[in-house]
Amino acid sequence: MKVLILAEHDNQVLKPAIHQVVAAASLLTPEIDLLIMGEACDAVVKQAGQLTGIKKILVADAKDYAKQLAENVAPLVADIGKNYQYILAPSNTYGKNLLPRIAALLDVDMISDVVKIMAPDTFIRTASAGNLLVTVKTEEPIKLMTIRTTAFTSVSLSNTAAIPVEKITKIIPNHLSAWVSQALTISTRPELTTAKIIISGGRGLKSAENFKLLEAIADRLGAAIGASRAAVDAGFVSNDYQVGQTGKIVAPDLYIAVGISGAIQHLAGMKDSKIIVAINNDPEAPIFSVSDYGLVGDLFKILPELQTELDKQT
């Protein structure tokens, strides 16, 4: 049995989610290959070479794959993937964009949001916003799966053995779509999906201006800032801050929910956090049902007090 993992990257940095996907793949077989598609991505290849458990790195380095657009990347993966029994990708925007297309091209079903591997043909996935766990047994010759990375630990980067690199020369041009531009939120804080501490705000903050109350606390804690869908829909912050079923799935060591009621959509994205602290003025808020520590009160009084206490520690 062989596994092919699709490497998410920006041509410079290999995304941390791949570390957990490799860990999941290692539960299936030691025969794990990593496919890197991009342009001028030598730095990514070098980083991938440090991953423990990778047997071979496949590299498709061409201008046509620079932005990894699904319209021509999916056919390439489908062609290469015919020689594998598993094709894996992280369960995020990258994986969810690519794998359904690849599955259609290979005429097989795919399994999304896998959180546990029971056997080579049996897996557990989430459903109903994480409220259900479904055991799936598949007889597909090629098993395509997106991996819920928060359910698996990262593999180490201590690999010192030289990993063979194979160049993929096949070029599939993209006549269906074109890359125009992107607008990214630049932040010196940790990324949401990899942060050890996250402080998130909800509709209870009432305005974009009030969201700044979280910034000083986040900086003191070295935390990332997140938001509920309600806060994003209200225009307090952009949607790349969103935590939840339709946002980012996170599992930090500490998650602080401020003014978040705890809708199912939000809980699905953060309830695997190791420690959850909730601050809300409604004692009946659903967020308290999953929190380890809850503080009922006015967040506009509590946050300045918390900031004062943190300042005393410096």
C-alpha atoms as a PDB file:
ATOM      1  CA  MET A   1       0.000   0.000   0.000  1.00  0.00           C
ATOM      2  CA  LYS A   2       1.217   3.474  -0.849  1.00  0.00           C
ATOM      3  CA  VAL A   3       0.036   6.916   0.235  1.00  0.00           C
ATOM      4  CA  LEU A   4       0.312  10.122  -1.766  1.00  0.00           C
ATOM      5  CA  ILE A   5       0.080  13.357   0.262  1.00  0.00           C
ATOM      6  CA  LEU A   6      -0.626  16.673  -1.444  1.00  0.00           C
ATOM      7  CA  ALA A   7       1.671  19.342  -0.023  1.00  0.00           C
ATOM      8  CA  GLU A   8       0.089  22.699   0.759  1.00  0.00           C
ATOM      9  CA  HIS A   9       2.545  25.590   0.439  1.00  0.00           C
ATOM     10  CA  ASP A  10       3.065  29.091  -0.954  1.00  0.00           C
ATOM     11  CA  ASN A  11       6.211  28.209  -2.939  1.00  0.00           C
ATOM     12  CA  GLN A  12       8.299  29.302   0.040  1.00  0.00           C
ATOM     13  CA  VAL A  13       6.945  27.605   3.162  1.00  0.00           C
ATOM     14  CA  LEU A  14       5.425  24.165   3.658  1.00  0.00           C
ATOM     15  CA  LYS A  15       2.206  24.592   5.636  1.00  0.00           C
ATOM     16  CA  PRO A  16       2.276  23.036   9.145  1.00  0.00           C
ATOM     17  CA  ALA A  17      -0.943  21.088   8.459  1.00  0.00           C
ATOM     18  CA  ILE A  18       1.094  18.660   6.354  1.00  0.00           C
ATOM     19  CA  HIS A  19       2.905  17.488   9.505  1.00  0.00           C
ATOM     20  CA  GLN A  20      -0.358  16.098  10.874  1.00  0.00           C
ATOM     21  CA  VAL A  21      -1.353  14.588   7.536  1.00  0.00           C
ATOM     22  CA  VAL A  22       1.944  12.673   7.464  1.00  0.00           C
ATOM     23  CA  ALA A  23       1.214  11.440  10.997  1.00  0.00           C
ATOM     24  CA  ALA A  24      -2.179  10.158   9.847  1.00  0.00           C
ATOM     25  CA  ALA A  25      -0.650   8.517   6.775  1.00  0.00           C
ATOM     26  CA  SER A  26       1.910   6.705   8.915  1.00  0.00           C
ATOM     27  CA  LEU A  27      -0.958   4.842  10.585  1.00  0.00           C
ATOM     28  CA  LEU A  28      -1.805   3.322   7.202  1.00  0.00           C
ATOM     29  CA  THR A  29       1.582   2.366   5.781  1.00  0.00           C
ATOM     30  CA  PRO A  30       5.247   3.384   5.895  1.00  0.00           C
ATOM     31  CA  GLU A  31       5.190   3.892   2.111  1.00  0.00           C
ATOM     32  CA  ILE A  32       4.440   7.630   2.030  1.00  0.00           C
ATOM     33  CA  ASP A  33       5.213   9.945  -0.886  1.00  0.00           C
ATOM     34  CA  LEU A  34       4.738  13.717  -0.875  1.00  0.00           C
ATOM     35  CA  LEU A  35       3.689  15.614  -4.001  1.00  0.00           C
ATOM     36  CA  ILE A  36       4.816  19.245  -4.260  1.00  0.00           C
ATOM     37  CA  MET A  37       3.296  21.282  -7.095  1.00  0.00           C
ATOM     38  CA  GLY A  38       4.341  24.879  -7.660  1.00  0.00           C
ATOM     39  CA  GLU A  39       6.899  27.159  -9.235  1.00  0.00           C
ATOM     40  CA  ALA A  40      10.421  27.812  -7.937  1.00  0.00           C
ATOM     41  CA  CYS A  41       9.569  25.816  -4.821  1.00  0.00           C
ATOM     42  CA  ASP A  42      13.030  24.501  -3.929  1.00  0.00           C
ATOM     43  CA  ALA A  43      12.673  25.896  -0.401  1.00  0.00           C
ATOM     44  CA  VAL A  44       9.537  23.804   0.108  1.00  0.00           C
ATOM     45  CA  VAL A  45      11.311  20.682  -1.150  1.00  0.00           C
ATOM     46  CA  LYS A  46      14.115  21.297   1.337  1.00  0.00           C
ATOM     47  CA  GLN A  47      11.660  21.665   4.227  1.00  0.00           C
ATOM     48  CA  ALA A  48       9.784  18.547   3.170  1.00  0.00           C
ATOM     49  CA  GLY A  49      13.032  16.634   3.276  1.00  0.00           C
ATOM     50  CA  GLN A  50      13.101  17.094   7.044  1.00  0.00           C
ATOM     51  CA  LEU A  51       9.767  15.347   7.621  1.00  0.00           C
ATOM     52  CA  THR A  52      10.049  12.012   9.347  1.00  0.00           C
ATOM     53  CA  GLY A  53       8.246   9.235   7.507  1.00  0.00           C
ATOM     54  CA  ILE A  54       8.451  10.474   3.911  1.00  0.00           C
ATOM     55  CA  LYS A  55       9.923   7.919   1.494  1.00  0.00           C
ATOM     56  CA  LYS A  56       9.954  10.007  -1.677  1.00  0.00           C
ATOM     57  CA  ILE A  57       9.211  13.570  -2.768  1.00  0.00           C
ATOM     58  CA  LEU A  58       7.574  14.174  -6.135  1.00  0.00           C
ATOM     59  CA  VAL A  59       8.067  17.673  -7.533  1.00  0.00           C
ATOM     60  CA  ALA A  60       6.055  19.279 -10.336  1.00  0.00           C
ATOM     61  CA  ASP A  61       7.825  22.619 -10.700  1.00  0.00           C
ATOM     62  CA  ALA A  62       6.402  24.705 -13.541  1.00  0.00           C
ATOM     63  CA  LYS A  63       4.821  28.071 -14.203  1.00  0.00           C
ATOM     64  CA  ASP A  64       1.490  26.344 -14.913  1.00  0.00           C
ATOM     65  CA  TYR A  65       1.367  25.104 -11.296  1.00  0.00           C
ATOM     66  CA  ALA A  66       2.526  28.323  -9.642  1.00  0.00           C
ATOM     67  CA  LYS A  67      -0.755  29.016  -7.814  1.00  0.00           C
ATOM     68  CA  GLN A  68      -1.912  25.376  -7.603  1.00  0.00           C
ATOM     69  CA  LEU A  69      -5.232  26.130  -9.259  1.00  0.00           C
ATOM     70  CA  ALA A  70      -7.496  23.105  -9.087  1.00  0.00           C
ATOM     71  CA  GLU A  71      -8.487  23.241 -12.763  1.00  0.00           C
ATOM     72  CA  ASN A  72      -5.133  21.861 -13.939  1.00  0.00           C
ATOM     73  CA  VAL A  73      -3.629  20.550 -10.695  1.00  0.00           C
ATOM     74  CA  ALA A  74      -6.459  18.050 -10.113  1.00  0.00           C
ATOM     75  CA  PRO A  75      -5.904  16.251 -13.465  1.00  0.00           C
ATOM     76  CA  LEU A  76      -2.190  16.003 -12.687  1.00  0.00           C
ATOM     77  CA  VAL A  77      -2.854  14.461  -9.262  1.00  0.00           C
ATOM     78  CA  ALA A  78      -5.439  12.096 -10.753  1.00  0.00           C
ATOM     79  CA  ASP A  79      -2.862  10.885 -13.279  1.00  0.00           C
ATOM     80  CA  ILE A  80      -0.132  10.391 -10.681  1.00  0.00           C
ATOM     81  CA  GLY A  81      -2.581   9.032  -8.090  1.00  0.00           C
ATOM     82  CA  LYS A  82      -3.502   6.005 -10.199  1.00  0.00           C
ATOM     83  CA  ASN A  83      -0.413   4.315  -8.774  1.00  0.00           C
ATOM     84  CA  TYR A  84      -1.468   4.835  -5.147  1.00  0.00           C
ATOM     85  CA  GLN A  85      -3.999   3.283  -2.791  1.00  0.00           C
ATOM     86  CA  TYR A  86      -4.497   6.494  -0.769  1.00  0.00           C
ATOM     87  CA  ILE A  87      -4.451  10.194  -1.603  1.00  0.00           C
ATOM     88  CA  LEU A  88      -4.525  12.515   1.418  1.00  0.00           C
ATOM     89  CA  ALA A  89      -4.763  16.263   1.958  1.00  0.00           C
ATOM     90  CA  PRO A  90      -5.526  18.491   4.955  1.00  0.00           C
ATOM     91  CA  SER A  91      -9.194  19.163   5.687  1.00  0.00           C
ATOM     92  CA  ASN A  92      -9.025  22.863   4.927  1.00  0.00           C
ATOM     93  CA  THR A  93      -9.721  25.101   1.948  1.00  0.00           C
ATOM     94  CA  TYR A  94      -6.788  23.622   0.049  1.00  0.00           C
ATOM     95  CA  GLY A  95      -7.811  19.997   0.490  1.00  0.00           C
ATOM     96  CA  LYS A  96     -11.539  20.581   0.094  1.00  0.00           C
ATOM     97  CA  ASN A  97     -10.932  22.414  -3.173  1.00  0.00           C
ATOM     98  CA  LEU A  98      -8.779  19.710  -4.731  1.00  0.00           C
ATOM     99  CA  LEU A  99      -9.900  16.283  -3.537  1.00  0.00           C
ATOM    100  CA  PRO A 100     -13.533  16.305  -4.773  1.00  0.00           C
ATOM    101  CA  ARG A 101     -12.294  17.139  -8.268  1.00  0.00           C
ATOM    102  CA  ILE A 102      -9.642  14.417  -8.119  1.00  0.00           C
ATOM    103  CA  ALA A 103     -12.214  11.908  -6.852  1.00  0.00           C
ATOM    104  CA  ALA A 104     -14.502  12.739  -9.776  1.00  0.00           C
ATOM    105  CA  LEU A 105     -11.669  12.272 -12.277  1.00  0.00           C
ATOM    106  CA  LEU A 106     -10.769   8.891 -10.721  1.00  0.00           C
ATOM    107  CA  ASP A 107     -14.470   7.946 -10.416  1.00  0.00           C
ATOM    108  CA  VAL A 108     -14.202   7.091  -6.720  1.00  0.00           C
ATOM    109  CA  ASP A 109     -15.845   8.379  -3.554  1.00  0.00           C
ATOM    110  CA  MET A 110     -13.928  10.505  -1.072  1.00  0.00           C
ATOM    111  CA  ILE A 111     -14.102  10.726   2.707  1.00  0.00           C
ATOM    112  CA  SER A 112     -13.878  14.131   4.356  1.00  0.00           C
ATOM    113  CA  ASP A 113     -12.828  15.226   7.845  1.00  0.00           C
ATOM    114  CA  VAL A 114     -11.217  11.970   8.960  1.00  0.00           C
ATOM    115  CA  VAL A 115     -10.353  12.090  12.665  1.00  0.00           C
ATOM    116  CA  LYS A 116      -9.318   8.484  13.288  1.00  0.00           C
ATOM    117  CA  ILE A 117      -7.954   5.562  11.293  1.00  0.00           C
ATOM    118  CA  MET A 118      -9.367   2.264  12.513  1.00  0.00           C
ATOM    119  CA  ALA A 119      -8.103  -0.053   9.738  1.00  0.00           C
ATOM    120  CA  PRO A 120      -6.779   0.228   6.182  1.00  0.00           C
ATOM    121  CA  ASP A 121     -10.378   0.417   4.928  1.00  0.00           C
ATOM    122  CA  THR A 122     -12.195   1.812   7.974  1.00  0.00           C
ATOM    123  CA  PHE A 123     -12.168   5.411   9.172  1.00  0.00           C
ATOM    124  CA  ILE A 124     -13.999   7.731  11.553  1.00  0.00           C
ATOM    125  CA  ARG A 125     -15.125  11.118  10.292  1.00  0.00           C
ATOM    126  CA  THR A 126     -17.108  13.972  11.778  1.00  0.00           C
ATOM    127  CA  ALA A 127     -20.625  14.903  10.718  1.00  0.00           C
ATOM    128  CA  SER A 128     -23.373  17.345  11.742  1.00  0.00           C
ATOM    129  CA  ALA A 129     -20.917  20.088  12.710  1.00  0.00           C
ATOM    130  CA  GLY A 130     -18.845  17.684  14.766  1.00  0.00           C
ATOM    131  CA  ASN A 131     -21.769  16.466  16.869  1.00  0.00           C
ATOM    132  CA  LEU A 132     -21.635  13.003  15.307  1.00  0.00           C
ATOM    133  CA  LEU A 133     -18.788  10.606  14.628  1.00  0.00           C
ATOM    134  CA  VAL A 134     -19.413   8.309  11.683  1.00  0.00           C
ATOM    135  CA  THR A 135     -17.548   5.066  11.023  1.00  0.00           C
ATOM    136  CA  VAL A 136     -17.005   4.605   7.288  1.00  0.00           C
ATOM    137  CA  LYS A 137     -15.816   1.414   5.607  1.00  0.00           C
ATOM    138  CA  THR A 138     -14.869   1.739   1.964  1.00  0.00           C
ATOM    139  CA  GLU A 139     -13.940  -0.726  -0.762  1.00  0.00           C
ATOM    140  CA  GLU A 140     -12.727   1.923  -3.206  1.00  0.00           C
ATOM    141  CA  PRO A 141      -9.456   0.935  -4.922  1.00  0.00           C
ATOM    142  CA  ILE A 142      -8.092   4.431  -4.297  1.00  0.00           C
ATOM    143  CA  LYS A 143      -9.151   6.062  -1.047  1.00  0.00           C
ATOM    144  CA  LEU A 144      -9.219   9.863  -1.072  1.00  0.00           C
ATOM    145  CA  MET A 145      -9.440  11.529   2.329  1.00  0.00           C
ATOM    146  CA  THR A 146      -9.169  14.966   3.849  1.00  0.00           C
ATOM    147  CA  ILE A 147      -7.589  14.777   7.301  1.00  0.00           C
ATOM    148  CA  ARG A 148      -8.868  16.816  10.256  1.00  0.00           C
ATOM    149  CA  THR A 149      -5.401  17.894  11.353  1.00  0.00           C
ATOM    150  CA  THR A 150      -6.420  18.826  14.899  1.00  0.00           C
ATOM    151  CA  ALA A 151      -7.075  15.126  15.556  1.00  0.00           C
ATOM    152  CA  PHE A 152      -3.476  14.048  14.892  1.00  0.00           C
ATOM    153  CA  THR A 153      -0.138  15.014  16.408  1.00  0.00           C
ATOM    154  CA  SER A 154       2.643  16.434  14.252  1.00  0.00           C
ATOM    155  CA  VAL A 155       5.493  14.298  13.009  1.00  0.00           C
ATOM    156  CA  SER A 156       8.977  15.385  13.972  1.00  0.00           C
ATOM    157  CA  LEU A 157      11.387  17.319  11.779  1.00  0.00           C
ATOM    158  CA  SER A 158      14.433  15.388  12.908  1.00  0.00           C
ATOM    159  CA  ASN A 159      14.812  13.313   9.758  1.00  0.00           C
ATOM    160  CA  THR A 160      18.452  13.311   8.643  1.00  0.00           C
ATOM    161  CA  ALA A 161      18.241  10.694   5.895  1.00  0.00           C
ATOM    162  CA  ALA A 162      18.314  11.909   2.307  1.00  0.00           C
ATOM    163  CA  ILE A 163      14.862  11.563   0.766  1.00  0.00           C
ATOM    164  CA  PRO A 164      14.816  10.771  -2.975  1.00  0.00           C
ATOM    165  CA  VAL A 165      13.347  13.535  -5.143  1.00  0.00           C
ATOM    166  CA  GLU A 166      11.579  12.683  -8.401  1.00  0.00           C
ATOM    167  CA  LYS A 167      10.828  15.389 -10.957  1.00  0.00           C
ATOM    168  CA  ILE A 168       7.394  15.362 -12.582  1.00  0.00           C
ATOM    169  CA  THR A 169       7.753  16.734 -16.094  1.00  0.00           C
ATOM    170  CA  LYS A 170       4.148  16.446 -17.265  1.00  0.00           C
ATOM    171  CA  ILE A 171       2.628  19.872 -17.867  1.00  0.00           C
ATOM    172  CA  ILE A 172      -1.135  20.330 -17.929  1.00  0.00           C
ATOM    173  CA  PRO A 173      -2.027  23.871 -19.045  1.00  0.00           C
ATOM    174  CA  ASN A 174      -4.942  25.672 -17.452  1.00  0.00           C
ATOM    175  CA  HIS A 175      -7.446  26.983 -19.990  1.00  0.00           C
ATOM    176  CA  LEU A 176     -10.334  27.267 -17.541  1.00  0.00           C
ATOM    177  CA  SER A 177      -9.187  29.772 -14.939  1.00  0.00           C
ATOM    178  CA  ALA A 178      -6.530  32.401 -14.294  1.00  0.00           C
ATOM    179  CA  TRP A 179      -4.969  33.819 -11.166  1.00  0.00           C
ATOM    180  CA  VAL A 180      -5.832  37.508 -10.832  1.00  0.00           C
ATOM    181  CA  SER A 181      -4.827  38.651  -7.353  1.00  0.00           C
ATOM    182  CA  GLN A 182      -5.111  38.017  -3.645  1.00  0.00           C
ATOM    183  CA  ALA A 183      -5.490  40.230  -0.587  1.00  0.00           C
ATOM    184  CA  LEU A 184      -3.986  38.847   2.608  1.00  0.00           C
ATOM    185  CA  THR A 185      -4.280  40.105   6.149  1.00  0.00           C
ATOM    186  CA  ILE A 186      -0.713  40.732   7.304  1.00  0.00           C
ATOM    187  CA  SER A 187      -0.151  40.024  10.968  1.00  0.00           C
ATOM    188  CA  THR A 188       2.827  39.483  13.240  1.00  0.00           C
ATOM    189  CA  ARG A 189       0.705  37.224  15.438  1.00  0.00           C
ATOM    190  CA  PRO A 190       0.654  33.422  15.054  1.00  0.00           C
ATOM    191  CA  GLU A 191      -1.567  31.839  12.432  1.00  0.00           C
ATOM    192  CA  LEU A 192      -4.905  30.654  13.758  1.00  0.00           C
ATOM    193  CA  THR A 193      -4.458  27.042  12.731  1.00  0.00           C
ATOM    194  CA  THR A 194      -1.061  26.681  14.412  1.00  0.00           C
ATOM    195  CA  ALA A 195      -1.353  29.026  17.416  1.00  0.00           C
ATOM    196  CA  LYS A 196      -0.960  27.577  20.909  1.00  0.00           C
ATOM    197  CA  ILE A 197      -3.179  30.310  22.361  1.00  0.00           C
ATOM    198  CA  ILE A 198      -6.195  31.932  20.704  1.00  0.00           C
ATOM    199  CA  ILE A 199      -8.459  34.689  21.968  1.00  0.00           C
ATOM    200  CA  SER A 200     -11.649  35.018  19.940  1.00  0.00           C
ATOM    201  CA  GLY A 201     -14.357  37.649  19.957  1.00  0.00           C
ATOM    202  CA  GLY A 202     -18.018  37.400  19.117  1.00  0.00           C
ATOM    203  CA  ARG A 203     -21.026  39.589  18.542  1.00  0.00           C
ATOM    204  CA  GLY A 204     -20.885  40.569  22.221  1.00  0.00           C
ATOM    205  CA  LEU A 205     -18.022  42.944  21.405  1.00  0.00           C
ATOM    206  CA  LYS A 206     -20.596  45.045  19.490  1.00  0.00           C
ATOM    207  CA  SER A 207     -18.222  46.758  17.060  1.00  0.00           C
ATOM    208  CA  ALA A 208     -14.987  46.534  15.104  1.00  0.00           C
ATOM    209  CA  GLU A 209     -13.518  49.224  17.337  1.00  0.00           C
ATOM    210  CA  ASN A 210     -14.157  47.120  20.438  1.00  0.00           C
ATOM    211  CA  PHE A 211     -12.311  44.201  18.849  1.00  0.00           C
ATOM    212  CA  LYS A 212      -9.149  46.149  19.617  1.00  0.00           C
ATOM    213  CA  LEU A 213      -9.699  45.210  23.262  1.00  0.00           C
ATOM    214  CA  LEU A 214      -8.465  41.754  22.313  1.00  0.00           C
ATOM    215  CA  GLU A 215      -5.296  42.940  20.617  1.00  0.00           C
ATOM    216  CA  ALA A 216      -3.302  44.025  23.675  1.00  0.00           C
ATOM    217  CA  ILE A 217      -4.234  40.826  25.504  1.00  0.00           C
ATOM    218  CA  ALA A 218      -3.292  38.729  22.477  1.00  0.00           C
ATOM    219  CA  ASP A 219       0.085  40.455  22.275  1.00  0.00           C
ATOM    220  CA  ARG A 220       0.760  39.817  25.962  1.00  0.00           C
ATOM    221  CA  LEU A 221      -0.114  36.144  25.606  1.00  0.00           C
ATOM    222  CA  GLY A 222       1.539  35.626  22.233  1.00  0.00           C
ATOM    223  CA  ALA A 223      -1.876  34.603  20.976  1.00  0.00           C
ATOM    224  CA  ALA A 224      -3.699  34.633  17.666  1.00  0.00           C
ATOM    225  CA  ILE A 225      -6.999  36.478  17.322  1.00  0.00           C
ATOM    226  CA  GLY A 226     -10.111  34.687  16.093  1.00  0.00           C
ATOM    227  CA  ALA A 227     -13.766  35.505  15.697  1.00  0.00           C
ATOM    228  CA  SER A 228     -17.164  33.892  15.552  1.00  0.00           C
ATOM    229  CA  ARG A 229     -19.174  33.834  12.355  1.00  0.00           C
ATOM    230  CA  ALA A 230     -21.594  36.366  13.845  1.00  0.00           C
ATOM    231  CA  ALA A 231     -18.727  38.816  14.382  1.00  0.00           C
ATOM    232  CA  VAL A 232     -17.496  38.300  10.833  1.00  0.00           C
ATOM    233  CA  ASP A 233     -20.987  38.680   9.357  1.00  0.00           C
ATOM    234  CA  ALA A 234     -21.413  41.909  11.331  1.00  0.00           C
ATOM    235  CA  GLY A 235     -18.256  43.270   9.709  1.00  0.00           C
ATOM    236  CA  PHE A 236     -16.185  43.505  12.895  1.00  0.00           C
ATOM    237  CA  VAL A 237     -13.270  41.597  11.299  1.00  0.00           C
ATOM    238  CA  SER A 238     -12.524  39.906   7.975  1.00  0.00           C
ATOM    239  CA  ASN A 239     -13.480  36.290   7.370  1.00  0.00           C
ATOM    240  CA  ASP A 240      -9.906  34.997   7.648  1.00  0.00           C
ATOM    241  CA  TYR A 241     -10.348  35.415  11.415  1.00  0.00           C
ATOM    242  CA  GLN A 242     -13.358  33.110  11.489  1.00  0.00           C
ATOM    243  CA  VAL A 243     -13.261  29.995  13.661  1.00  0.00           C
ATOM    244  CA  GLY A 244     -15.932  27.392  13.082  1.00  0.00           C
ATOM    245  CA  GLN A 245     -17.405  24.847  10.739  1.00  0.00           C
ATOM    246  CA  THR A 246     -17.303  27.302   7.833  1.00  0.00           C
ATOM    247  CA  GLY A 247     -14.098  28.919   9.060  1.00  0.00           C
ATOM    248  CA  LYS A 248     -10.886  27.537  10.487  1.00  0.00           C
ATOM    249  CA  ILE A 249     -10.715  24.419  12.670  1.00  0.00           C
ATOM    250  CA  VAL A 250      -8.398  24.984  15.622  1.00  0.00           C
ATOM    251  CA  ALA A 251      -7.257  23.067  18.690  1.00  0.00           C
ATOM    252  CA  PRO A 252      -4.874  25.289  20.691  1.00  0.00           C
ATOM    253  CA  ASP A 253      -3.630  24.649  24.216  1.00  0.00           C
ATOM    254  CA  LEU A 254      -5.749  27.604  25.389  1.00  0.00           C
ATOM    255  CA  TYR A 255      -8.850  29.054  23.735  1.00  0.00           C
ATOM    256  CA  ILE A 256     -10.431  32.197  25.209  1.00  0.00           C
ATOM    257  CA  ALA A 257     -13.937  32.944  23.923  1.00  0.00           C
ATOM    258  CA  VAL A 258     -15.051  36.521  24.581  1.00  0.00           C
ATOM    259  CA  GLY A 259     -18.644  37.517  23.955  1.00  0.00           C
ATOM    260  CA  ILE A 260     -19.308  34.331  21.988  1.00  0.00           C
ATOM    261  CA  SER A 261     -22.606  32.578  22.677  1.00  0.00           C
ATOM    262  CA  GLY A 262     -21.415  29.207  21.418  1.00  0.00           C
ATOM    263  CA  ALA A 263     -23.466  28.340  18.357  1.00  0.00           C
ATOM    264  CA  ILE A 264     -22.960  24.816  17.010  1.00  0.00           C
ATOM    265  CA  GLN A 265     -21.178  26.260  13.981  1.00  0.00           C
ATOM    266  CA  HIS A 266     -18.540  27.860  16.212  1.00  0.00           C
ATOM    267  CA  LEU A 267     -18.178  24.960  18.641  1.00  0.00           C
ATOM    268  CA  ALA A 268     -17.407  22.640  15.723  1.00  0.00           C
ATOM    269  CA  GLY A 269     -14.251  24.637  15.056  1.00  0.00           C
ATOM    270  CA  MET A 270     -12.775  24.917  18.555  1.00  0.00           C
ATOM    271  CA  LYS A 271     -14.213  22.349  20.970  1.00  0.00           C
ATOM    272  CA  ASP A 272     -11.079  20.157  20.681  1.00  0.00           C
ATOM    273  CA  SER A 273      -9.011  22.892  22.368  1.00  0.00           C
ATOM    274  CA  LYS A 274      -7.218  21.592  25.455  1.00  0.00           C
ATOM    275  CA  ILE A 275      -8.444  24.353  27.769  1.00  0.00           C
ATOM    276  CA  ILE A 276     -11.429  26.577  26.969  1.00  0.00           C
ATOM    277  CA  VAL A 277     -12.147  29.790  28.868  1.00  0.00           C
ATOM    278  CA  ALA A 278     -15.465  31.556  28.232  1.00  0.00           C
ATOM    279  CA  ILE A 279     -16.377  35.138  29.114  1.00  0.00           C
ATOM    280  CA  ASN A 280     -20.048  35.990  28.594  1.00  0.00           C
ATOM    281  CA  ASN A 281     -22.741  37.924  30.422  1.00  0.00           C
ATOM    282  CA  ASP A 282     -25.342  35.211  29.776  1.00  0.00           C
ATOM    283  CA  PRO A 283     -25.008  32.316  32.250  1.00  0.00           C
ATOM    284  CA  GLU A 284     -27.115  30.152  29.926  1.00  0.00           C
ATOM    285  CA  ALA A 285     -24.869  30.656  26.905  1.00  0.00           C
ATOM    286  CA  PRO A 286     -24.048  27.320  25.200  1.00  0.00           C
ATOM    287  CA  ILE A 287     -20.330  28.163  25.249  1.00  0.00           C
ATOM    288  CA  PHE A 288     -20.271  27.339  28.958  1.00  0.00           C
ATOM    289  CA  SER A 289     -21.263  23.730  28.180  1.00  0.00           C
ATOM    290  CA  VAL A 290     -17.855  23.094  26.594  1.00  0.00           C
ATOM    291  CA  SER A 291     -15.686  25.484  28.620  1.00  0.00           C
ATOM    292  CA  ASP A 292     -13.294  24.388  31.342  1.00  0.00           C
ATOM    293  CA  TYR A 293     -13.523  27.805  33.000  1.00  0.00           C
ATOM    294  CA  GLY A 294     -16.384  30.246  32.690  1.00  0.00           C
ATOM    295  CA  LEU A 295     -16.664  33.849  33.792  1.00  0.00           C
ATOM    296  CA  VAL A 296     -20.126  35.440  33.772  1.00  0.00           C
ATOM    297  CA  GLY A 297     -19.955  39.201  33.556  1.00  0.00           C
ATOM    298  CA  ASP A 298     -19.584  42.326  31.473  1.00  0.00           C
ATOM    299  CA  LEU A 299     -16.692  41.772  29.075  1.00  0.00           C
ATOM    300  CA  PHE A 300     -16.096  45.531  28.853  1.00  0.00           C
ATOM    301  CA  LYS A 301     -15.155  45.470  32.534  1.00  0.00           C
ATOM    302  CA  ILE A 302     -13.458  42.065  32.563  1.00  0.00           C
ATOM    303  CA  LEU A 303     -11.098  42.654  29.630  1.00  0.00           C
ATOM    304  CA  PRO A 304      -9.490  45.830  31.072  1.00  0.00           C
ATOM    305  CA  GLU A 305      -9.083  44.026  34.408  1.00  0.00           C
ATOM    306  CA  LEU A 306      -7.442  41.099  32.639  1.00  0.00           C
ATOM    307  CA  GLN A 307      -5.155  43.496  30.784  1.00  0.00           C
ATOM    308  CA  THR A 308      -4.154  45.149  34.085  1.00  0.00           C
ATOM    309  CA  GLU A 309      -3.298  41.786  35.632  1.00  0.00           C
ATOM    310  CA  LEU A 310      -1.228  40.786  32.615  1.00  0.00           C
ATOM    311  CA  ASP A 311       0.647  44.086  32.756  1.00  0.00           C
ATOM    312  CA  LYS A 312       1.607  43.339  36.351  1.00  0.00           C
ATOM    313  CA  GLN A 313       3.348  40.174  35.169  1.00  0.00           C
ATOM    314  CA  THR A 314       5.826  42.128  33.040  1.00  0.00           C
END
